[in-house]
Amino acid sequence: MFPLLKLDVPKLRFDPLDSSQVDVDKLKGLQRFGPYKSAIDPRLAFVFPKGSSSQANILFRALRSGVGYFKGMPTTFRMPLANDDVLPVSKFEIRDSFTDQDREKAYTDAVGEALSDSAKDANLFVILHPRTPKWKEDGPYYGCKDLLLSKGIVSQSVTFDLLDNSDQFSWSAANIALAIHCKLGGTPWVAATGLGLSHVVIAVGRSETVDPISRNRKRFVAFSTVLTNHGQFCFSNIGTGVYDESNYLESLTTVVRSALAEGLNRNGSVQFVAVHMSKDFNYAEMEAVRRGVVNSESRPIRPVFLKVGDEERFFLVDKETDSGVPKRGTKIVLSEAESIIYTEGRDDLKAWKNRQPSIIRVKRYGDLSAAEDVSAANDAERDILALSQVNFRGFNSASRPAPLVYSELISRIVSRGVAIPAGELQNRMWFL
């Protein structure tokens, strides 16, 4: 028999100074209190080909005034949005005969021209484009995103298929606005854990480029993201691409060491650091991460190392309910160092009725030498549940821990060989 525990599910907090501004509902809390941290005022460039102005107008009106249950960016996110805040980039065309490569070139040429002309002052590009299957690497979405990121500019993709489907768009508009808010430096909400700023979380990952012919790994990039234990994003840290595994391990150590130093510099009162590693990290990678923390020149601080990933093999059946699904926050202790946590449960039936509930497996790496280390490990593991409410992928997205989600998104983008410039961009959630 495995012991079961019930973790407290934190509410969401919408103000850094007033602890009473909390809610259990993400959208209702935003509309009532506004965001935890405001974004910069939007200056949007709408990129769309000739003949698509009607779809662009649909999107603009929804972002400004709302659609369905979404009340618009000014009301929900306290972000001003008027006609003068949107710049059209639309002096190009695409034809039915165009290949994916042709469409990508038409869009990227238009964006490149706009960057040196009419839209040079835009702080976010909204790319309206035909839908391209995710497995295809050519097309307007990736082409424009890669180009803009290399210039230090964030973008948001919206497909014509979505805009032409009024039912689907009516609930997707809020998620589009959420992404724009985050990419422009805002924090919609954090988890009200009650712990104070007790620790920072460093999520460590890798990105690999694979040779399309031999299928051999040929390029490695180590990276990290740093968050507070409440889930507020601090910054990302992207290492240099290397072509040898030993160099990759050295780069991994360097990335962790620099992330820790900067994280402690920004959050000087924290008591320990929780390091989240990908579930497929091997022993050599985990040791490289450990060296980056233990041998750091930063002030001494207690580390907790966790491997975090989706649980695909085990599940729990609650015989006392019709659905058989446990409540959110149910923790099953597999061993002293390993457990699985239901970050969603029967409380969330409406949110995941068309998919499986989210279950996260957590395994601690390393020994705990003192009672205070045990306490730190318990806090870090408990915050897996809190961090699952702040990944900002959407109001009804799967409740997976933000560090895990962010690592996956960054890995996908960096694997394309995009160089993310250092600077202000790394202080924003450019990868959403």
Protein backbone atom coordinates (compact mmCIF):
# COMPACT_ATOMS: atom_id res chain seq x y z
CA MET A 1 0.00 0.00 0.00
CA PHE A 2 1.18 3.51 -0.84
CA PRO A 3 0.46 6.37 1.62
CA LEU A 4 -1.87 9.11 0.36
CA LEU A 5 -1.74 12.77 1.35
CA LYS A 6 -3.95 15.72 0.47
CA LEU A 7 -2.05 18.88 -0.40
CA ASP A 8 -3.66 22.27 0.03
CA VAL A 9 -4.61 23.81 -3.32
CA PRO A 10 -3.48 27.47 -3.25
CA LYS A 11 -5.67 30.33 -4.37
CA LEU A 12 -4.47 32.83 -6.97
CA ARG A 13 -3.16 36.24 -5.95
CA PHE A 14 -3.59 39.34 -8.11
CA ASP A 15 -1.75 42.05 -6.17
CA PRO A 16 1.82 42.03 -4.76
CA LEU A 17 0.92 44.34 -1.84
CA ASP A 18 -2.67 43.45 -0.95
CA SER A 19 -2.88 39.81 0.16
CA SER A 20 -6.69 39.98 0.22
CA GLN A 21 -6.91 40.23 -3.57
CA VAL A 22 -7.20 36.50 -4.22
CA ASP A 23 -9.59 34.30 -6.17
CA VAL A 24 -9.91 30.67 -7.21
CA ASP A 25 -10.90 31.60 -10.78
CA LYS A 26 -8.22 32.95 -13.12
CA LEU A 27 -10.38 35.03 -15.46
CA LYS A 28 -12.81 36.30 -12.84
CA GLY A 29 -9.91 37.26 -10.61
CA LEU A 30 -8.28 39.24 -13.40
CA GLN A 31 -11.48 41.05 -14.29
CA ARG A 32 -12.08 41.88 -10.64
CA PHE A 33 -8.58 42.90 -9.53
CA GLY A 34 -6.43 43.30 -12.64
CA PRO A 35 -3.04 41.59 -13.14
CA TYR A 36 -0.44 40.96 -10.45
CA LYS A 37 2.14 42.84 -12.52
CA SER A 38 1.27 45.16 -15.40
CA ALA A 39 2.70 44.75 -18.88
CA ILE A 40 4.13 47.56 -20.97
CA ASP A 41 1.62 49.31 -23.21
CA PRO A 42 1.14 47.35 -26.45
CA ARG A 43 2.33 48.63 -29.78
CA LEU A 44 1.22 45.84 -32.10
CA ALA A 45 2.12 45.12 -35.72
CA PHE A 46 -0.58 43.01 -37.40
CA VAL A 47 0.95 40.97 -40.22
CA PHE A 48 -1.54 39.64 -42.78
CA PRO A 49 -1.67 39.32 -46.58
CA LYS A 50 -3.89 41.28 -48.95
CA GLY A 51 -7.50 40.20 -48.80
CA SER A 52 -7.37 39.31 -45.09
CA SER A 53 -8.30 42.63 -43.52
CA SER A 54 -11.67 41.29 -42.32
CA GLN A 55 -9.95 38.63 -40.18
CA ALA A 56 -7.53 41.24 -38.83
CA ASN A 57 -10.48 43.44 -37.83
CA ILE A 58 -12.17 40.51 -36.08
CA LEU A 59 -9.05 39.95 -34.00
CA PHE A 60 -8.53 43.62 -33.19
CA ARG A 61 -12.13 44.15 -32.08
CA ALA A 62 -11.98 41.06 -29.87
CA LEU A 63 -8.74 42.18 -28.19
CA ARG A 64 -10.03 45.72 -27.69
CA SER A 65 -13.68 45.18 -26.76
CA GLY A 66 -13.94 41.47 -26.02
CA VAL A 67 -15.91 38.51 -27.35
CA GLY A 68 -17.92 35.89 -25.48
CA TYR A 69 -16.94 35.74 -21.81
CA PHE A 70 -13.74 37.76 -22.48
CA LYS A 71 -14.22 41.51 -21.85
CA GLY A 72 -11.22 42.78 -23.81
CA MET A 73 -7.62 43.63 -22.92
CA PRO A 74 -8.32 47.09 -21.39
CA THR A 75 -10.88 45.65 -18.96
CA THR A 76 -9.23 42.31 -18.18
CA PHE A 77 -5.51 43.12 -18.29
CA ARG A 78 -5.69 46.90 -17.79
CA MET A 79 -3.83 47.33 -21.10
CA PRO A 80 -4.85 50.23 -23.36
CA LEU A 81 -5.61 49.31 -26.95
CA ALA A 82 -6.82 51.80 -29.56
CA ASN A 83 -6.66 52.03 -33.35
CA ASP A 84 -3.39 53.95 -33.19
CA ASP A 85 -1.78 51.13 -31.20
CA VAL A 86 -1.99 48.73 -34.16
CA LEU A 87 0.15 49.00 -37.29
CA PRO A 88 -0.84 46.97 -40.37
CA VAL A 89 1.82 45.04 -42.28
CA SER A 90 -0.22 43.90 -45.26
CA LYS A 91 1.40 44.91 -48.52
CA PHE A 92 2.08 41.37 -49.65
CA GLU A 93 0.05 38.51 -51.06
CA ILE A 94 -0.03 34.74 -50.98
CA ARG A 95 -1.51 32.51 -53.66
CA ASP A 96 -3.07 29.08 -53.64
CA SER A 97 -0.13 27.82 -55.69
CA PHE A 98 2.39 28.84 -53.03
CA THR A 99 4.36 26.14 -51.24
CA ASP A 100 5.06 26.36 -47.51
CA GLN A 101 8.47 27.80 -48.35
CA ASP A 102 6.85 30.43 -50.62
CA ARG A 103 4.45 31.49 -47.87
CA GLU A 104 7.25 31.68 -45.34
CA LYS A 105 9.32 33.89 -47.64
CA ALA A 106 6.39 36.22 -48.37
CA TYR A 107 5.74 36.72 -44.67
CA THR A 108 9.36 37.06 -43.57
CA ASP A 109 10.12 39.52 -46.38
CA ALA A 110 7.17 41.63 -45.26
CA VAL A 111 8.27 41.50 -41.62
CA GLY A 112 11.86 42.30 -42.51
CA GLU A 113 10.76 45.33 -44.53
CA ALA A 114 8.45 46.48 -41.73
CA LEU A 115 11.22 46.29 -39.14
CA SER A 116 13.13 48.98 -40.98
CA ASP A 117 10.10 51.05 -41.91
CA SER A 118 6.53 51.42 -40.67
CA ALA A 119 6.58 48.94 -37.78
CA LYS A 120 10.03 49.65 -36.40
CA ASP A 121 8.50 50.87 -33.12
CA ALA A 122 6.24 47.84 -32.61
CA ASN A 123 6.94 45.82 -29.45
CA LEU A 124 4.99 42.72 -30.54
CA PHE A 125 4.13 41.31 -33.96
CA VAL A 126 0.82 39.47 -34.39
CA ILE A 127 1.17 37.02 -37.28
CA LEU A 128 -2.14 36.12 -38.98
CA HIS A 129 -1.45 33.14 -41.22
CA PRO A 130 -2.83 29.91 -42.72
CA ARG A 131 -2.62 26.93 -40.40
CA THR A 132 0.51 24.81 -40.82
CA PRO A 133 0.77 21.31 -39.29
CA LYS A 134 3.02 21.30 -36.21
CA TRP A 135 5.36 18.72 -37.72
CA LYS A 136 6.21 21.01 -40.64
CA GLU A 137 9.22 23.24 -40.08
CA ASP A 138 8.53 25.55 -43.02
CA GLY A 139 5.79 28.15 -42.97
CA PRO A 140 4.92 31.67 -41.79
CA TYR A 141 4.69 30.78 -38.09
CA TYR A 142 8.22 29.49 -37.53
CA GLY A 143 9.79 31.75 -40.14
CA CYS A 144 8.45 34.96 -38.59
CA LYS A 145 9.02 33.80 -35.01
CA ASP A 146 12.65 32.91 -35.72
CA LEU A 147 13.32 36.19 -37.50
CA LEU A 148 11.73 38.34 -34.81
CA LEU A 149 13.34 36.52 -31.89
CA SER A 150 16.75 36.96 -33.48
CA LYS A 151 16.02 40.72 -33.39
CA GLY A 152 14.85 40.59 -29.77
CA ILE A 153 11.14 41.01 -30.60
CA VAL A 154 8.27 38.83 -29.43
CA SER A 155 5.40 37.62 -31.60
CA GLN A 156 1.99 36.00 -31.36
CA SER A 157 0.57 33.58 -33.91
CA VAL A 158 -3.13 33.46 -34.87
CA THR A 159 -4.43 31.24 -37.69
CA PHE A 160 -7.11 32.16 -40.18
CA ASP A 161 -8.85 28.86 -39.39
CA LEU A 162 -9.34 30.02 -35.81
CA LEU A 163 -10.56 33.47 -36.81
CA ASP A 164 -13.05 31.96 -39.25
CA ASN A 165 -14.52 29.68 -36.59
CA SER A 166 -16.59 32.04 -34.44
CA ASP A 167 -17.43 29.46 -31.76
CA GLN A 168 -13.82 28.42 -31.25
CA PHE A 169 -12.48 31.96 -31.47
CA SER A 170 -14.93 33.26 -28.85
CA TRP A 171 -13.10 31.29 -26.14
CA SER A 172 -9.63 31.45 -27.72
CA ALA A 173 -9.47 35.26 -27.76
CA ALA A 174 -8.85 35.37 -24.01
CA ASN A 175 -5.90 32.99 -24.37
CA ILE A 176 -4.41 35.12 -27.16
CA ALA A 177 -4.67 38.21 -24.95
CA LEU A 178 -3.14 36.28 -22.04
CA ALA A 179 -0.09 35.38 -24.16
CA ILE A 180 0.31 38.97 -25.37
CA HIS A 181 0.16 40.27 -21.81
CA CYS A 182 2.86 37.84 -20.64
CA LYS A 183 5.12 38.44 -23.64
CA LEU A 184 5.01 42.18 -22.93
CA GLY A 185 6.32 41.65 -19.42
CA GLY A 186 3.12 41.17 -17.42
CA THR A 187 2.35 38.61 -14.72
CA PRO A 188 -1.40 37.87 -14.62
CA TRP A 189 -1.41 36.13 -11.24
CA VAL A 190 0.78 34.14 -8.85
CA ALA A 191 0.02 31.31 -6.44
CA ALA A 192 -0.95 32.43 -2.94
CA THR A 193 1.03 29.73 -1.15
CA GLY A 194 1.38 31.45 2.20
CA LEU A 195 5.11 30.59 2.31
CA GLY A 196 6.42 34.02 1.44
CA LEU A 197 9.45 34.19 -0.87
CA SER A 198 11.11 31.13 0.67
CA HIS A 199 12.96 29.88 -2.39
CA VAL A 200 13.55 30.32 -6.09
CA VAL A 201 13.02 27.62 -8.68
CA ILE A 202 15.60 26.97 -11.40
CA ALA A 203 14.26 24.81 -14.23
CA VAL A 204 17.10 23.26 -16.22
CA GLY A 205 16.71 21.78 -19.69
CA ARG A 206 18.47 21.00 -22.92
CA SER A 207 17.70 21.41 -26.58
CA GLU A 208 19.07 19.13 -29.26
CA THR A 209 19.41 19.50 -32.99
CA VAL A 210 19.17 16.18 -34.81
CA ASP A 211 20.70 15.40 -38.20
CA PRO A 212 17.68 14.72 -40.49
CA ILE A 213 19.52 11.95 -42.36
CA SER A 214 21.57 10.08 -39.75
CA ARG A 215 19.22 11.00 -36.84
CA ASN A 216 22.30 11.58 -34.71
CA ARG A 217 22.34 14.44 -32.21
CA LYS A 218 24.69 17.09 -33.53
CA ARG A 219 24.13 20.22 -31.42
CA PHE A 220 23.34 20.73 -27.73
CA VAL A 221 22.11 23.86 -25.97
CA ALA A 222 21.70 24.01 -22.18
CA PHE A 223 19.24 26.52 -20.77
CA SER A 224 17.40 27.47 -17.60
CA THR A 225 14.42 29.49 -16.45
CA VAL A 226 14.17 31.05 -13.01
CA LEU A 227 10.90 31.63 -11.14
CA THR A 228 9.89 32.49 -7.60
CA ASN A 229 8.16 29.77 -5.60
CA HIS A 230 4.91 31.70 -6.20
CA GLY A 231 5.37 31.21 -9.94
CA GLN A 232 6.43 34.72 -11.01
CA PHE A 233 8.78 34.44 -13.99
CA CYS A 234 12.17 36.08 -13.40
CA PHE A 235 14.32 35.38 -16.46
CA SER A 236 15.61 32.75 -18.87
CA ASN A 237 19.24 31.88 -19.47
CA ILE A 238 20.29 30.28 -22.78
CA GLY A 239 23.72 28.67 -23.12
CA THR A 240 25.93 28.55 -26.19
CA GLY A 241 25.36 25.80 -28.73
CA VAL A 242 28.05 23.10 -28.60
CA TYR A 243 28.75 20.02 -30.71
CA ASP A 244 30.40 17.72 -28.20
CA GLU A 245 28.72 16.04 -25.23
CA SER A 246 31.54 16.84 -22.81
CA ASN A 247 31.35 20.50 -23.79
CA TYR A 248 27.59 20.31 -23.31
CA LEU A 249 28.01 19.10 -19.72
CA GLU A 250 30.40 21.97 -19.01
CA SER A 251 27.91 24.39 -20.55
CA LEU A 252 25.13 22.90 -18.41
CA THR A 253 27.14 23.55 -15.26
CA THR A 254 27.90 27.11 -16.37
CA VAL A 255 24.25 27.85 -17.18
CA VAL A 256 23.13 26.61 -13.75
CA ARG A 257 25.84 28.53 -11.94
CA SER A 258 25.00 31.81 -13.68
CA ALA A 259 21.24 31.27 -13.22
CA LEU A 260 21.73 30.71 -9.50
CA ALA A 261 23.89 33.81 -9.09
CA GLU A 262 21.42 36.04 -10.92
CA GLY A 263 18.42 34.44 -9.22
CA LEU A 264 19.87 35.07 -5.76
CA ASN A 265 20.88 38.59 -6.73
CA ARG A 266 17.27 39.40 -7.71
CA ASN A 267 15.72 37.56 -4.77
CA GLY A 268 18.22 38.00 -1.96
CA SER A 269 16.02 36.87 0.94
CA VAL A 270 15.41 33.29 -0.23
CA GLN A 271 16.42 30.41 2.03
CA PHE A 272 17.02 27.64 -0.49
CA VAL A 273 16.87 26.84 -4.19
CA ALA A 274 14.74 24.17 -5.84
CA VAL A 275 16.27 22.82 -9.06
CA HIS A 276 13.85 21.14 -11.47
CA MET A 277 15.45 18.80 -14.01
CA SER A 278 13.92 17.05 -17.00
CA LYS A 279 12.78 13.51 -16.26
CA ASP A 280 15.03 12.18 -19.05
CA PHE A 281 18.23 13.70 -17.63
CA ASN A 282 20.85 11.01 -17.13
CA TYR A 283 23.30 10.71 -14.22
CA ALA A 284 26.04 12.73 -15.96
CA GLU A 285 23.64 15.59 -16.60
CA MET A 286 22.34 15.56 -13.03
CA GLU A 287 25.90 15.68 -11.72
CA ALA A 288 26.67 18.61 -14.03
CA VAL A 289 23.65 20.44 -12.61
CA ARG A 290 24.71 19.62 -9.04
CA ARG A 291 28.21 21.01 -9.67
CA GLY A 292 26.70 24.27 -10.88
CA VAL A 293 24.93 24.72 -7.56
CA VAL A 294 27.35 23.19 -5.05
CA ASN A 295 30.45 24.80 -6.55
CA SER A 296 28.79 28.15 -7.13
CA GLU A 297 30.53 31.32 -5.97
CA SER A 298 27.16 32.63 -4.75
CA ARG A 299 26.39 32.71 -1.05
CA PRO A 300 25.90 29.24 0.49
CA ILE A 301 22.34 28.06 0.07
CA ARG A 302 20.53 24.75 0.57
CA PRO A 303 19.67 23.05 -2.75
CA VAL A 304 16.82 20.62 -3.45
CA PHE A 305 17.17 18.67 -6.71
CA LEU A 306 14.00 17.29 -8.30
CA LYS A 307 13.33 15.39 -11.51
CA VAL A 308 9.87 16.47 -12.68
CA GLY A 309 7.83 15.01 -15.50
CA ASP A 310 4.42 13.74 -16.57
CA GLU A 311 3.35 10.42 -15.09
CA GLU A 312 2.29 7.99 -17.82
CA ARG A 313 2.34 4.59 -16.06
CA PHE A 314 0.53 4.90 -12.76
CA PHE A 315 -2.85 6.30 -11.76
CA LEU A 316 -5.15 6.14 -8.78
CA VAL A 317 -8.81 5.06 -8.80
CA ASP A 318 -11.06 6.62 -6.19
CA LYS A 319 -13.81 4.03 -5.66
CA GLU A 320 -15.97 6.48 -3.73
CA THR A 321 -16.74 8.61 -6.80
CA ASP A 322 -18.51 7.91 -10.10
CA SER A 323 -15.61 9.26 -12.17
CA GLY A 324 -12.95 7.34 -10.20
CA VAL A 325 -10.68 10.39 -10.37
CA PRO A 326 -9.02 11.67 -7.15
CA LYS A 327 -9.29 15.28 -6.06
CA ARG A 328 -6.74 17.84 -7.18
CA GLY A 329 -3.81 17.91 -4.76
CA THR A 330 -3.82 14.18 -4.05
CA LYS A 331 -0.26 12.98 -3.46
CA ILE A 332 0.74 9.30 -3.62
CA VAL A 333 4.03 8.55 -1.87
CA LEU A 334 5.91 5.89 -3.85
CA SER A 335 9.06 6.00 -1.73
CA GLU A 336 10.95 8.34 0.56
CA ALA A 337 12.27 10.20 -2.48
CA GLU A 338 9.50 9.75 -5.06
CA SER A 339 5.82 10.60 -5.39
CA ILE A 340 3.10 11.42 -7.89
CA ILE A 341 0.81 14.43 -7.56
CA TYR A 342 -2.58 15.05 -9.16
CA THR A 343 -2.35 18.68 -10.27
CA GLU A 344 -5.85 18.21 -11.69
CA GLY A 345 -8.64 16.01 -10.39
CA ARG A 346 -12.36 15.57 -10.28
CA ASP A 347 -12.63 19.25 -9.24
CA ASP A 348 -11.55 20.10 -12.80
CA LEU A 349 -13.86 17.87 -14.83
CA LYS A 350 -15.08 20.70 -17.05
CA ALA A 351 -11.53 21.82 -17.84
CA TRP A 352 -10.22 18.42 -19.01
CA LYS A 353 -13.31 16.56 -20.15
CA ASN A 354 -11.67 15.90 -23.53
CA ARG A 355 -8.28 14.81 -22.17
CA GLN A 356 -6.64 12.97 -19.30
CA PRO A 357 -6.13 14.77 -15.98
CA SER A 358 -2.62 16.03 -15.38
CA ILE A 359 -0.50 13.82 -13.11
CA ILE A 360 3.09 14.81 -12.26
CA ARG A 361 5.85 12.49 -11.04
CA VAL A 362 8.49 13.98 -8.75
CA LYS A 363 11.74 12.28 -7.75
CA ARG A 364 14.29 13.82 -5.41
CA TYR A 365 17.97 13.52 -6.28
CA GLY A 366 20.55 13.44 -3.50
CA ASP A 367 20.47 12.90 0.25
CA LEU A 368 18.92 15.11 2.92
CA SER A 369 21.39 15.65 5.74
CA ALA A 370 19.38 17.72 8.24
CA ALA A 371 15.85 18.43 9.42
CA GLU A 372 15.89 21.82 7.67
CA ASP A 373 16.79 20.09 4.41
CA VAL A 374 13.78 17.78 4.83
CA SER A 375 11.57 20.82 5.40
CA ALA A 376 12.97 22.52 2.28
CA ALA A 377 12.38 19.38 0.20
CA ASN A 378 8.77 19.17 1.43
CA ASP A 379 8.16 22.83 0.54
CA ALA A 380 9.70 22.38 -2.92
CA GLU A 381 7.61 19.30 -3.63
CA ARG A 382 4.43 20.91 -2.34
CA ASP A 383 4.97 23.86 -4.67
CA ILE A 384 4.70 21.54 -7.69
CA LEU A 385 0.94 21.93 -7.22
CA ALA A 386 1.17 25.72 -6.90
CA LEU A 387 3.41 26.04 -9.95
CA SER A 388 0.91 24.05 -12.02
CA GLN A 389 -1.52 26.99 -11.80
CA VAL A 390 0.85 29.59 -13.26
CA ASN A 391 2.14 28.28 -16.59
CA PHE A 392 0.00 30.86 -18.50
CA ARG A 393 -0.54 28.65 -21.55
CA GLY A 394 -4.24 29.42 -21.38
CA PHE A 395 -7.07 29.89 -18.92
CA ASN A 396 -8.12 26.26 -19.32
CA SER A 397 -4.77 24.73 -20.20
CA ALA A 398 -3.51 21.54 -18.57
CA SER A 399 -2.33 22.16 -15.00
CA ARG A 400 1.30 21.22 -15.50
CA PRO A 401 4.10 22.92 -13.52
CA ALA A 402 5.32 26.11 -15.15
CA PRO A 403 9.03 25.09 -15.01
CA LEU A 404 8.23 21.89 -16.93
CA VAL A 405 6.09 23.66 -19.53
CA TYR A 406 8.59 26.48 -20.06
CA SER A 407 11.47 24.04 -20.55
CA GLU A 408 9.55 22.15 -23.23
CA LEU A 409 8.64 25.34 -25.10
CA ILE A 410 12.17 26.74 -24.98
CA SER A 411 13.65 23.43 -26.13
CA ARG A 412 11.33 23.32 -29.14
CA ILE A 413 12.27 26.83 -30.28
CA VAL A 414 16.01 26.65 -29.59
CA SER A 415 16.28 23.31 -31.40
CA ARG A 416 15.66 25.22 -34.63
CA GLY A 417 18.97 27.03 -34.17
CA VAL A 418 17.48 30.38 -33.19
CA ALA A 419 19.94 32.55 -31.28
CA ILE A 420 18.12 34.31 -28.44
CA PRO A 421 19.89 37.64 -27.84
CA ALA A 422 20.79 38.54 -24.28
CA GLY A 423 19.06 41.53 -22.80
CA GLU A 424 15.50 42.58 -22.07
CA LEU A 425 14.00 39.71 -24.10
CA GLN A 426 15.20 37.16 -21.55
CA ASN A 427 13.19 38.96 -18.83
CA ARG A 428 9.97 38.15 -20.68
CA MET A 429 8.10 34.96 -21.47
CA TRP A 430 9.06 35.07 -25.15
CA PHE A 431 8.58 31.31 -25.53
CA LEU A 432 4.83 31.16 -24.83
